[in-house]
Amino acid sequence: MHIITVKHLKEALEKHPDAANDIKSWIKITKAVRWHNFPEVRSTFPDADHVGKFVVFDIRNNRYRLIAIIHYSKTVGQRETEGHIYIRSFLTHKEYDDPKNWDRKYGKK
């Protein structure tokens, strides 16, 4: 999967250093897969949830939530697309409780 944008996750690494190893693992795993549907996401990340247009990943044993929109890989003609995952927010568990925070421009309130 192509992550848009890794910059947002690097900012989360700086802001939440206690989650750094988990974020780095999530990036490495996500870049190596090609998901075609949500059940494939769940097979990689069993705690992921599909909520409306978002996919919510639990980070650091549920202390943080990574909110994303996924455009799944698909086959067009003879070619398989890479798929894209758009990072919408990286939130603390408390911030996640307010759905208004889910789809904000990263780093702005």
PDB file of N, CA and C in Angstrom:
ATOM      1  N   MET A   1       0.848  -1.170   0.000  1.00  0.00           N
ATOM      2  CA  MET A   1       0.000   0.000   0.000  1.00  0.00           C
ATOM      3  C   MET A   1       0.897   1.238   0.000  1.00  0.00           C
ATOM      4  N   HIS A   2       0.413   2.241  -0.677  1.00  0.00           N
ATOM      5  CA  HIS A   2       1.113   3.525  -0.694  1.00  0.00           C
ATOM      6  C   HIS A   2       0.475   4.405   0.380  1.00  0.00           C
ATOM      7  N   ILE A   3       1.273   4.875   1.325  1.00  0.00           N
ATOM      8  CA  ILE A   3       0.765   5.686   2.436  1.00  0.00           C
ATOM      9  C   ILE A   3       0.842   7.157   2.071  1.00  0.00           C
ATOM     10  N   ILE A   4      -0.299   7.836   2.204  1.00  0.00           N
ATOM     11  CA  ILE A   4      -0.371   9.269   1.941  1.00  0.00           C
ATOM     12  C   ILE A   4      -0.826   9.926   3.237  1.00  0.00           C
ATOM     13  N   THR A   5      -0.081  10.570   3.860  1.00  0.00           N
ATOM     14  CA  THR A   5       1.293  10.875   3.695  1.00  0.00           C
ATOM     15  C   THR A   5       2.064  10.386   4.921  1.00  0.00           C
ATOM     16  N   VAL A   6       3.230   9.827   4.678  1.00  0.00           N
ATOM     17  CA  VAL A   6       4.073   9.333   5.753  1.00  0.00           C
ATOM     18  C   VAL A   6       4.483  10.501   6.658  1.00  0.00           C
ATOM     19  N   LYS A   7       4.526  11.697   6.099  1.00  0.00           N
ATOM     20  CA  LYS A   7       4.880  12.895   6.875  1.00  0.00           C
ATOM     21  C   LYS A   7       3.989  13.018   8.112  1.00  0.00           C
ATOM     22  N   HIS A   8       2.710  12.740   7.962  1.00  0.00           N
ATOM     23  CA  HIS A   8       1.788  12.829   9.100  1.00  0.00           C
ATOM     24  C   HIS A   8       2.190  11.843  10.204  1.00  0.00           C
ATOM     25  N   LEU A   9       2.621  10.672   9.795  1.00  0.00           N
ATOM     26  CA  LEU A   9       3.021   9.674  10.785  1.00  0.00           C
ATOM     27  C   LEU A   9       4.343  10.057  11.448  1.00  0.00           C
ATOM     28  N   LYS A  10       5.231  10.695  10.698  1.00  0.00           N
ATOM     29  CA  LYS A  10       6.481  11.174  11.290  1.00  0.00           C
ATOM     30  C   LYS A  10       6.197  12.253  12.326  1.00  0.00           C
ATOM     31  N   GLU A  11       5.225  13.106  12.053  1.00  0.00           N
ATOM     32  CA  GLU A  11       4.827  14.115  13.032  1.00  0.00           C
ATOM     33  C   GLU A  11       4.254  13.443  14.284  1.00  0.00           C
ATOM     34  N   ALA A  12       3.489  12.376  14.096  1.00  0.00           N
ATOM     35  CA  ALA A  12       2.943  11.633  15.236  1.00  0.00           C
ATOM     36  C   ALA A  12       4.070  10.985  16.047  1.00  0.00           C
ATOM     37  N   LEU A  13       5.110  10.521  15.360  1.00  0.00           N
ATOM     38  CA  LEU A  13       6.265   9.945  16.050  1.00  0.00           C
ATOM     39  C   LEU A  13       6.894  10.968  16.995  1.00  0.00           C
ATOM     40  N   GLU A  14       7.008  12.199  16.530  1.00  0.00           N
ATOM     41  CA  GLU A  14       7.608  13.254  17.350  1.00  0.00           C
ATOM     42  C   GLU A  14       6.697  13.652  18.509  1.00  0.00           C
ATOM     43  N   LYS A  15       5.412  13.733  18.236  1.00  0.00           N
ATOM     44  CA  LYS A  15       4.457  14.175  19.244  1.00  0.00           C
ATOM     45  C   LYS A  15       4.195  13.100  20.304  1.00  0.00           C
ATOM     46  N   HIS A  16       4.262  11.826  19.897  1.00  0.00           N
ATOM     47  CA  HIS A  16       3.947  10.708  20.793  1.00  0.00           C
ATOM     48  C   HIS A  16       5.087   9.679  20.759  1.00  0.00           C
ATOM     49  N   PRO A  17       6.242  10.019  21.350  1.00  0.00           N
ATOM     50  CA  PRO A  17       7.395   9.105  21.268  1.00  0.00           C
ATOM     51  C   PRO A  17       7.149   7.739  21.896  1.00  0.00           C
ATOM     52  N   ASP A  18       6.208   7.642  22.828  1.00  0.00           N
ATOM     53  CA  ASP A  18       5.909   6.339  23.428  1.00  0.00           C
ATOM     54  C   ASP A  18       5.279   5.377  22.432  1.00  0.00           C
ATOM     55  N   ALA A  19       4.747   5.909  21.338  1.00  0.00           N
ATOM     56  CA  ALA A  19       4.121   5.073  20.305  1.00  0.00           C
ATOM     57  C   ALA A  19       5.034   4.853  19.099  1.00  0.00           C
ATOM     58  N   ALA A  20       6.260   5.361  19.159  1.00  0.00           N
ATOM     59  CA  ALA A  20       7.151   5.346  17.995  1.00  0.00           C
ATOM     60  C   ALA A  20       7.358   3.947  17.411  1.00  0.00           C
ATOM     61  N   ASN A  21       7.652   2.964  18.239  1.00  0.00           N
ATOM     62  CA  ASN A  21       7.903   1.611  17.717  1.00  0.00           C
ATOM     63  C   ASN A  21       6.656   1.031  17.063  1.00  0.00           C
ATOM     64  N   ASP A  22       5.501   1.290  17.655  1.00  0.00           N
ATOM     65  CA  ASP A  22       4.253   0.781  17.082  1.00  0.00           C
ATOM     66  C   ASP A  22       3.936   1.452  15.737  1.00  0.00           C
ATOM     67  N   ILE A  23       4.182   2.745  15.658  1.00  0.00           N
ATOM     68  CA  ILE A  23       3.938   3.465  14.394  1.00  0.00           C
ATOM     69  C   ILE A  23       4.889   2.949  13.321  1.00  0.00           C
ATOM     70  N   LYS A  24       6.158   2.800  13.675  1.00  0.00           N
ATOM     71  CA  LYS A  24       7.140   2.307  12.700  1.00  0.00           C
ATOM     72  C   LYS A  24       6.772   0.907  12.214  1.00  0.00           C
ATOM     73  N   SER A  25       6.329   0.051  13.116  1.00  0.00           N
ATOM     74  CA  SER A  25       5.898  -1.303  12.715  1.00  0.00           C
ATOM     75  C   SER A  25       4.697  -1.234  11.790  1.00  0.00           C
ATOM     76  N   TRP A  26       3.717  -0.380  12.129  1.00  0.00           N
ATOM     77  CA  TRP A  26       2.522  -0.227  11.300  1.00  0.00           C
ATOM     78  C   TRP A  26       2.906   0.221   9.890  1.00  0.00           C
ATOM     79  N   ILE A  27       3.820   1.196   9.789  1.00  0.00           N
ATOM     80  CA  ILE A  27       4.270   1.683   8.475  1.00  0.00           C
ATOM     81  C   ILE A  27       4.921   0.550   7.677  1.00  0.00           C
ATOM     82  N   LYS A  28       5.839  -0.174   8.305  1.00  0.00           N
ATOM     83  CA  LYS A  28       6.561  -1.251   7.611  1.00  0.00           C
ATOM     84  C   LYS A  28       5.601  -2.321   7.104  1.00  0.00           C
ATOM     85  N   ILE A  29       4.679  -2.741   7.949  1.00  0.00           N
ATOM     86  CA  ILE A  29       3.713  -3.769   7.552  1.00  0.00           C
ATOM     87  C   ILE A  29       2.806  -3.261   6.439  1.00  0.00           C
ATOM     88  N   THR A  30       2.301  -2.050   6.582  1.00  0.00           N
ATOM     89  CA  THR A  30       1.344  -1.497   5.628  1.00  0.00           C
ATOM     90  C   THR A  30       1.971  -1.297   4.252  1.00  0.00           C
ATOM     91  N   LYS A  31       3.218  -0.863   4.215  1.00  0.00           N
ATOM     92  CA  LYS A  31       3.892  -0.677   2.922  1.00  0.00           C
ATOM     93  C   LYS A  31       4.109  -2.006   2.193  1.00  0.00           C
ATOM     94  N   ALA A  32       4.163  -3.100   2.944  1.00  0.00           N
ATOM     95  CA  ALA A  32       4.474  -4.410   2.353  1.00  0.00           C
ATOM     96  C   ALA A  32       3.250  -5.173   1.851  1.00  0.00           C
ATOM     97  N   VAL A  33       2.042  -4.690   2.155  1.00  0.00           N
ATOM     98  CA  VAL A  33       0.841  -5.438   1.773  1.00  0.00           C
ATOM     99  C   VAL A  33       0.100  -4.757   0.625  1.00  0.00           C
ATOM    100  N   ARG A  34      -0.820  -5.527   0.033  1.00  0.00           N
ATOM    101  CA  ARG A  34      -1.787  -4.997  -0.937  1.00  0.00           C
ATOM    102  C   ARG A  34      -3.143  -5.496  -0.515  1.00  0.00           C
ATOM    103  N   TRP A  35      -3.885  -4.628   0.134  1.00  0.00           N
ATOM    104  CA  TRP A  35      -5.214  -5.019   0.565  1.00  0.00           C
ATOM    105  C   TRP A  35      -6.218  -4.791  -0.538  1.00  0.00           C
ATOM    106  N   HIS A  36      -7.121  -5.756  -0.710  1.00  0.00           N
ATOM    107  CA  HIS A  36      -8.187  -5.671  -1.709  1.00  0.00           C
ATOM    108  C   HIS A  36      -9.540  -5.390  -1.065  1.00  0.00           C
ATOM    109  N   ASN A  37      -9.614  -5.577   0.255  1.00  0.00           N
ATOM    110  CA  ASN A  37     -10.878  -5.382   0.971  1.00  0.00           C
ATOM    111  C   ASN A  37     -10.606  -5.329   2.473  1.00  0.00           C
ATOM    112  N   PHE A  38     -11.654  -4.976   3.235  1.00  0.00           N
ATOM    113  CA  PHE A  38     -11.470  -4.834   4.672  1.00  0.00           C
ATOM    114  C   PHE A  38     -11.129  -6.153   5.377  1.00  0.00           C
ATOM    115  N   PRO A  39     -11.707  -7.288   4.992  1.00  0.00           N
ATOM    116  CA  PRO A  39     -11.292  -8.541   5.660  1.00  0.00           C
ATOM    117  C   PRO A  39      -9.784  -8.800   5.564  1.00  0.00           C
ATOM    118  N   GLU A  40      -9.150  -8.371   4.480  1.00  0.00           N
ATOM    119  CA  GLU A  40      -7.692  -8.515   4.378  1.00  0.00           C
ATOM    120  C   GLU A  40      -6.980  -7.590   5.361  1.00  0.00           C
ATOM    121  N   VAL A  41      -7.528  -6.391   5.572  1.00  0.00           N
ATOM    122  CA  VAL A  41      -6.971  -5.484   6.584  1.00  0.00           C
ATOM    123  C   VAL A  41      -7.053  -6.172   7.944  1.00  0.00           C
ATOM    124  N   ARG A  42      -8.219  -6.741   8.252  1.00  0.00           N
ATOM    125  CA  ARG A  42      -8.434  -7.418   9.544  1.00  0.00           C
ATOM    126  C   ARG A  42      -7.503  -8.608   9.733  1.00  0.00           C
ATOM    127  N   SER A  43      -7.162  -9.283   8.632  1.00  0.00           N
ATOM    128  CA  SER A  43      -6.246 -10.414   8.764  1.00  0.00           C
ATOM    129  C   SER A  43      -4.834  -9.943   9.133  1.00  0.00           C
ATOM    130  N   THR A  44      -4.498  -8.716   8.758  1.00  0.00           N
ATOM    131  CA  THR A  44      -3.199  -8.145   9.107  1.00  0.00           C
ATOM    132  C   THR A  44      -3.238  -7.469  10.472  1.00  0.00           C
ATOM    133  N   PHE A  45      -4.309  -6.696  10.704  1.00  0.00           N
ATOM    134  CA  PHE A  45      -4.491  -5.963  11.958  1.00  0.00           C
ATOM    135  C   PHE A  45      -5.850  -6.345  12.547  1.00  0.00           C
ATOM    136  N   PRO A  46      -5.905  -7.391  13.370  1.00  0.00           N
ATOM    137  CA  PRO A  46      -7.184  -7.896  13.891  1.00  0.00           C
ATOM    138  C   PRO A  46      -8.006  -6.873  14.672  1.00  0.00           C
ATOM    139  N   ASP A  47      -7.359  -5.843  15.229  1.00  0.00           N
ATOM    140  CA  ASP A  47      -8.089  -4.839  16.004  1.00  0.00           C
ATOM    141  C   ASP A  47      -8.615  -3.683  15.151  1.00  0.00           C
ATOM    142  N   ALA A  48      -8.364  -3.706  13.847  1.00  0.00           N
ATOM    143  CA  ALA A  48      -8.849  -2.629  12.980  1.00  0.00           C
ATOM    144  C   ALA A  48     -10.375  -2.677  12.904  1.00  0.00           C
ATOM    145  N   ASP A  49     -10.968  -1.493  12.806  1.00  0.00           N
ATOM    146  CA  ASP A  49     -12.423  -1.388  12.690  1.00  0.00           C
ATOM    147  C   ASP A  49     -12.785  -0.562  11.462  1.00  0.00           C
ATOM    148  N   HIS A  50     -13.862  -0.952  10.814  1.00  0.00           N
ATOM    149  CA  HIS A  50     -14.401  -0.197   9.680  1.00  0.00           C
ATOM    150  C   HIS A  50     -15.566   0.622  10.223  1.00  0.00           C
ATOM    151  N   VAL A  51     -15.408   1.954  10.234  1.00  0.00           N
ATOM    152  CA  VAL A  51     -16.416   2.847  10.787  1.00  0.00           C
ATOM    153  C   VAL A  51     -16.767   3.873   9.725  1.00  0.00           C
ATOM    154  N   GLY A  52     -17.923   3.699   9.073  1.00  0.00           N
ATOM    155  CA  GLY A  52     -18.308   4.597   7.987  1.00  0.00           C
ATOM    156  C   GLY A  52     -17.295   4.526   6.866  1.00  0.00           C
ATOM    157  N   LYS A  53     -16.776   5.690   6.458  1.00  0.00           N
ATOM    158  CA  LYS A  53     -15.784   5.723   5.375  1.00  0.00           C
ATOM    159  C   LYS A  53     -14.353   5.506   5.880  1.00  0.00           C
ATOM    160  N   PHE A  54     -14.192   5.354   7.184  1.00  0.00           N
ATOM    161  CA  PHE A  54     -12.868   5.257   7.792  1.00  0.00           C
ATOM    162  C   PHE A  54     -12.507   3.834   8.200  1.00  0.00           C
ATOM    163  N   VAL A  55     -11.202   3.602   8.285  1.00  0.00           N
ATOM    164  CA  VAL A  55     -10.674   2.418   8.937  1.00  0.00           C
ATOM    165  C   VAL A  55      -9.880   2.933  10.132  1.00  0.00           C
ATOM    166  N   VAL A  56     -10.163   2.388  11.303  1.00  0.00           N
ATOM    167  CA  VAL A  56      -9.546   2.831  12.544  1.00  0.00           C
ATOM    168  C   VAL A  56      -8.607   1.733  13.039  1.00  0.00           C
ATOM    169  N   PHE A  57      -7.348   2.111  13.225  1.00  0.00           N
ATOM    170  CA  PHE A  57      -6.333   1.178  13.715  1.00  0.00           C
ATOM    171  C   PHE A  57      -6.001   1.526  15.156  1.00  0.00           C
ATOM    172  N   ASP A  58      -5.965   0.514  16.002  1.00  0.00           N
ATOM    173  CA  ASP A  58      -5.538   0.702  17.386  1.00  0.00           C
ATOM    174  C   ASP A  58      -4.012   0.679  17.414  1.00  0.00           C
ATOM    175  N   ILE A  59      -3.449   1.681  18.052  1.00  0.00           N
ATOM    176  CA  ILE A  59      -1.995   1.783  18.164  1.00  0.00           C
ATOM    177  C   ILE A  59      -1.622   1.812  19.641  1.00  0.00           C
ATOM    178  N   ARG A  60      -0.583   1.123  19.972  1.00  0.00           N
ATOM    179  CA  ARG A  60      -0.050   1.090  21.344  1.00  0.00           C
ATOM    180  C   ARG A  60      -1.107   0.605  22.330  1.00  0.00           C
ATOM    181  N   ASN A  61      -1.630  -0.577  22.054  1.00  0.00           N
ATOM    182  CA  ASN A  61      -2.622  -1.207  22.926  1.00  0.00           C
ATOM    183  C   ASN A  61      -3.813  -0.294  23.207  1.00  0.00           C
ATOM    184  N   ASN A  62      -4.289   0.351  22.150  1.00  0.00           N
ATOM    185  CA  ASN A  62      -5.509   1.158  22.225  1.00  0.00           C
ATOM    186  C   ASN A  62      -5.299   2.538  22.867  1.00  0.00           C
ATOM    187  N   ARG A  63      -4.059   2.939  23.113  1.00  0.00           N
ATOM    188  CA  ARG A  63      -3.826   4.283  23.656  1.00  0.00           C
ATOM    189  C   ARG A  63      -4.029   5.339  22.583  1.00  0.00           C
ATOM    190  N   TYR A  64      -3.775   4.951  21.336  1.00  0.00           N
ATOM    191  CA  TYR A  64      -3.904   5.867  20.206  1.00  0.00           C
ATOM    192  C   TYR A  64      -4.739   5.213  19.122  1.00  0.00           C
ATOM    193  N   ARG A  65      -5.304   6.063  18.272  1.00  0.00           N
ATOM    194  CA  ARG A  65      -6.072   5.581  17.127  1.00  0.00           C
ATOM    195  C   ARG A  65      -5.560   6.275  15.873  1.00  0.00           C
ATOM    196  N   LEU A  66      -5.292   5.486  14.881  1.00  0.00           N
ATOM    197  CA  LEU A  66      -4.900   6.001  13.585  1.00  0.00           C
ATOM    198  C   LEU A  66      -6.127   5.892  12.691  1.00  0.00           C
ATOM    199  N   ILE A  67      -6.595   7.026  12.184  1.00  0.00           N
ATOM    200  CA  ILE A  67      -7.791   7.081  11.346  1.00  0.00           C
ATOM    201  C   ILE A  67      -7.340   7.220   9.899  1.00  0.00           C
ATOM    202  N   ALA A  68      -7.844   6.363   9.038  1.00  0.00           N
ATOM    203  CA  ALA A  68      -7.422   6.367   7.639  1.00  0.00           C
ATOM    204  C   ALA A  68      -8.606   6.091   6.715  1.00  0.00           C
ATOM    205  N   ILE A  69      -8.416   6.467   5.469  1.00  0.00           N
ATOM    206  CA  ILE A  69      -9.335   6.102   4.392  1.00  0.00           C
ATOM    207  C   ILE A  69      -8.515   5.252   3.424  1.00  0.00           C
ATOM    208  N   ILE A  70      -9.038   4.100   3.060  1.00  0.00           N
ATOM    209  CA  ILE A  70      -8.292   3.186   2.196  1.00  0.00           C
ATOM    210  C   ILE A  70      -8.942   3.092   0.828  1.00  0.00           C
ATOM    211  N   HIS A  71      -8.126   3.266  -0.193  1.00  0.00           N
ATOM    212  CA  HIS A  71      -8.516   2.950  -1.563  1.00  0.00           C
ATOM    213  C   HIS A  71      -7.801   1.643  -1.882  1.00  0.00           C
ATOM    214  N   TYR A  72      -8.570   0.578  -1.870  1.00  0.00           N
ATOM    215  CA  TYR A  72      -8.003  -0.766  -1.978  1.00  0.00           C
ATOM    216  C   TYR A  72      -7.387  -1.027  -3.343  1.00  0.00           C
ATOM    217  N   SER A  73      -6.431  -1.956  -3.340  1.00  0.00           N
ATOM    218  CA  SER A  73      -5.807  -2.415  -4.570  1.00  0.00           C
ATOM    219  C   SER A  73      -6.858  -3.133  -5.415  1.00  0.00           C
ATOM    220  N   LYS A  74      -6.782  -2.954  -6.704  1.00  0.00           N
ATOM    221  CA  LYS A  74      -7.711  -3.640  -7.602  1.00  0.00           C
ATOM    222  C   LYS A  74      -6.999  -3.957  -8.908  1.00  0.00           C
ATOM    223  N   THR A  75      -7.599  -4.843  -9.681  1.00  0.00           N
ATOM    224  CA  THR A  75      -7.037  -5.218 -10.966  1.00  0.00           C
ATOM    225  C   THR A  75      -7.736  -4.438 -12.063  1.00  0.00           C
ATOM    226  N   VAL A  76      -6.929  -3.753 -12.863  1.00  0.00           N
ATOM    227  CA  VAL A  76      -7.440  -2.978 -13.998  1.00  0.00           C
ATOM    228  C   VAL A  76      -6.773  -3.562 -15.240  1.00  0.00           C
ATOM    229  N   GLY A  77      -7.575  -4.234 -16.060  1.00  0.00           N
ATOM    230  CA  GLY A  77      -6.993  -4.932 -17.208  1.00  0.00           C
ATOM    231  C   GLY A  77      -6.091  -6.038 -16.703  1.00  0.00           C
ATOM    232  N   GLN A  78      -4.842  -6.015 -17.097  1.00  0.00           N
ATOM    233  CA  GLN A  78      -3.857  -7.012 -16.659  1.00  0.00           C
ATOM    234  C   GLN A  78      -3.009  -6.512 -15.487  1.00  0.00           C
ATOM    235  N   ARG A  79      -3.284  -5.305 -15.027  1.00  0.00           N
ATOM    236  CA  ARG A  79      -2.429  -4.666 -14.027  1.00  0.00           C
ATOM    237  C   ARG A  79      -3.139  -4.533 -12.675  1.00  0.00           C
ATOM    238  N   GLU A  80      -2.396  -4.820 -11.606  1.00  0.00           N
ATOM    239  CA  GLU A  80      -2.937  -4.648 -10.261  1.00  0.00           C
ATOM    240  C   GLU A  80      -2.449  -3.313  -9.708  1.00  0.00           C
ATOM    241  N   THR A  81      -3.377  -2.497  -9.231  1.00  0.00           N
ATOM    242  CA  THR A  81      -2.994  -1.211  -8.661  1.00  0.00           C
ATOM    243  C   THR A  81      -2.382  -1.427  -7.279  1.00  0.00           C
ATOM    244  N   GLU A  82      -1.611  -0.446  -6.845  1.00  0.00           N
ATOM    245  CA  GLU A  82      -0.912  -0.552  -5.570  1.00  0.00           C
ATOM    246  C   GLU A  82      -1.859  -0.396  -4.376  1.00  0.00           C
ATOM    247  N   GLY A  83      -2.839   0.462  -4.496  1.00  0.00           N
ATOM    248  CA  GLY A  83      -3.707   0.786  -3.372  1.00  0.00           C
ATOM    249  C   GLY A  83      -3.117   1.933  -2.576  1.00  0.00           C
ATOM    250  N   HIS A  84      -3.977   2.721  -1.981  1.00  0.00           N
ATOM    251  CA  HIS A  84      -3.540   3.893  -1.219  1.00  0.00           C
ATOM    252  C   HIS A  84      -4.241   3.937   0.123  1.00  0.00           C
ATOM    253  N   ILE A  85      -3.514   4.390   1.121  1.00  0.00           N
ATOM    254  CA  ILE A  85      -4.095   4.605   2.438  1.00  0.00           C
ATOM    255  C   ILE A  85      -3.817   6.054   2.822  1.00  0.00           C
ATOM    256  N   TYR A  86      -4.888   6.785   3.057  1.00  0.00           N
ATOM    257  CA  TYR A  86      -4.811   8.211   3.365  1.00  0.00           C
ATOM    258  C   TYR A  86      -4.948   8.394   4.876  1.00  0.00           C
ATOM    259  N   ILE A  87      -3.907   8.933   5.498  1.00  0.00           N
ATOM    260  CA  ILE A  87      -3.929   9.172   6.943  1.00  0.00           C
ATOM    261  C   ILE A  87      -4.742  10.438   7.195  1.00  0.00           C
ATOM    262  N   ARG A  88      -5.792  10.300   7.991  1.00  0.00           N
ATOM    263  CA  ARG A  88      -6.660  11.448   8.293  1.00  0.00           C
ATOM    264  C   ARG A  88      -6.340  12.051   9.646  1.00  0.00           C
ATOM    265  N   SER A  89      -6.086  11.211  10.666  1.00  0.00           N
ATOM    266  CA  SER A  89      -5.770  11.710  12.003  1.00  0.00           C
ATOM    267  C   SER A  89      -5.029  10.642  12.790  1.00  0.00           C
ATOM    268  N   PHE A  90      -4.215  11.087  13.719  1.00  0.00           N
ATOM    269  CA  PHE A  90      -3.597  10.219  14.711  1.00  0.00           C
ATOM    270  C   PHE A  90      -4.001  10.806  16.052  1.00  0.00           C
ATOM    271  N   LEU A  91      -4.813  10.079  16.807  1.00  0.00           N
ATOM    272  CA  LEU A  91      -5.470  10.639  17.986  1.00  0.00           C
ATOM    273  C   LEU A  91      -5.175   9.840  19.243  1.00  0.00           C
ATOM    274  N   THR A  92      -5.198  10.533  20.371  1.00  0.00           N
ATOM    275  CA  THR A  92      -5.186   9.826  21.643  1.00  0.00           C
ATOM    276  C   THR A  92      -6.556   9.177  21.795  1.00  0.00           C
ATOM    277  N   HIS A  93      -6.651   8.260  22.722  1.00  0.00           N
ATOM    278  CA  HIS A  93      -7.936   7.598  22.943  1.00  0.00           C
ATOM    279  C   HIS A  93      -9.013   8.627  23.304  1.00  0.00           C
ATOM    280  N   LYS A  94      -8.665   9.614  24.110  1.00  0.00           N
ATOM    281  CA  LYS A  94      -9.617  10.653  24.505  1.00  0.00           C
ATOM    282  C   LYS A  94     -10.044  11.505  23.298  1.00  0.00           C
ATOM    283  N   GLU A  95      -9.097  11.898  22.446  1.00  0.00           N
ATOM    284  CA  GLU A  95      -9.429  12.693  21.254  1.00  0.00           C
ATOM    285  C   GLU A  95     -10.333  11.916  20.309  1.00  0.00           C
ATOM    286  N   TYR A  96     -10.134  10.607  20.253  1.00  0.00           N
ATOM    287  CA  TYR A  96     -10.915   9.743  19.368  1.00  0.00           C
ATOM    288  C   TYR A  96     -12.391   9.742  19.733  1.00  0.00           C
ATOM    289  N   ASP A  97     -12.713   9.978  20.989  1.00  0.00           N
ATOM    290  CA  ASP A  97     -14.102   9.965  21.436  1.00  0.00           C
ATOM    291  C   ASP A  97     -14.966  11.025  20.746  1.00  0.00           C
ATOM    292  N   ASP A  98     -14.349  12.061  20.176  1.00  0.00           N
ATOM    293  CA  ASP A  98     -15.084  13.101  19.456  1.00  0.00           C
ATOM    294  C   ASP A  98     -14.905  12.880  17.951  1.00  0.00           C
ATOM    295  N   PRO A  99     -15.939  12.372  17.247  1.00  0.00           N
ATOM    296  CA  PRO A  99     -15.815  12.078  15.817  1.00  0.00           C
ATOM    297  C   PRO A  99     -15.448  13.294  14.959  1.00  0.00           C
ATOM    298  N   LYS A 100     -15.608  14.497  15.474  1.00  0.00           N
ATOM    299  CA  LYS A 100     -15.200  15.696  14.720  1.00  0.00           C
ATOM    300  C   LYS A 100     -13.688  15.723  14.495  1.00  0.00           C
ATOM    301  N   ASN A 101     -12.948  15.025  15.330  1.00  0.00           N
ATOM    302  CA  ASN A 101     -11.487  14.984  15.195  1.00  0.00           C
ATOM    303  C   ASN A 101     -11.010  13.993  14.133  1.00  0.00           C
ATOM    304  N   TRP A 102     -11.876  13.121  13.702  1.00  0.00           N
ATOM    305  CA  TRP A 102     -11.457  12.020  12.835  1.00  0.00           C
ATOM    306  C   TRP A 102     -10.964  12.455  11.466  1.00  0.00           C
ATOM    307  N   ASP A 103     -11.586  13.444  10.875  1.00  0.00           N
ATOM    308  CA  ASP A 103     -11.238  13.818   9.497  1.00  0.00           C
ATOM    309  C   ASP A 103     -10.849  15.282   9.439  1.00  0.00           C
ATOM    310  N   ARG A 104      -9.835  15.606  10.205  1.00  0.00           N
ATOM    311  CA  ARG A 104      -9.356  16.988  10.206  1.00  0.00           C
ATOM    312  C   ARG A 104      -8.042  17.045   9.464  1.00  0.00           C
ATOM    313  N   LYS A 105      -7.715  18.221   8.992  1.00  0.00           N
ATOM    314  CA  LYS A 105      -6.426  18.376   8.359  1.00  0.00           C
ATOM    315  C   LYS A 105      -5.373  18.109   9.421  1.00  0.00           C
ATOM    316  N   TYR A 106      -4.466  17.217   9.168  1.00  0.00           N
ATOM    317  CA  TYR A 106      -3.539  16.754  10.185  1.00  0.00           C
ATOM    318  C   TYR A 106      -2.755  17.930  10.775  1.00  0.00           C
ATOM    319  N   GLY A 107      -2.716  17.942  12.101  1.00  0.00           N
ATOM    320  CA  GLY A 107      -1.943  18.954  12.808  1.00  0.00           C
ATOM    321  C   GLY A 107      -2.715  20.222  13.086  1.00  0.00           C
ATOM    322  N   LYS A 108      -3.941  20.334  12.605  1.00  0.00           N
ATOM    323  CA  LYS A 108      -4.755  21.523  12.851  1.00  0.00           C
ATOM    324  C   LYS A 108      -5.994  21.120  13.615  1.00  0.00           C
ATOM    325  N   LYS A 109      -6.516  22.050  14.398  1.00  0.00           N
ATOM    326  CA  LYS A 109      -7.719  21.762  15.177  1.00  0.00           C
ATOM    327  C   LYS A 109      -8.928  22.352  14.506  1.00  0.00           C
TER     328      LYS A 109
END
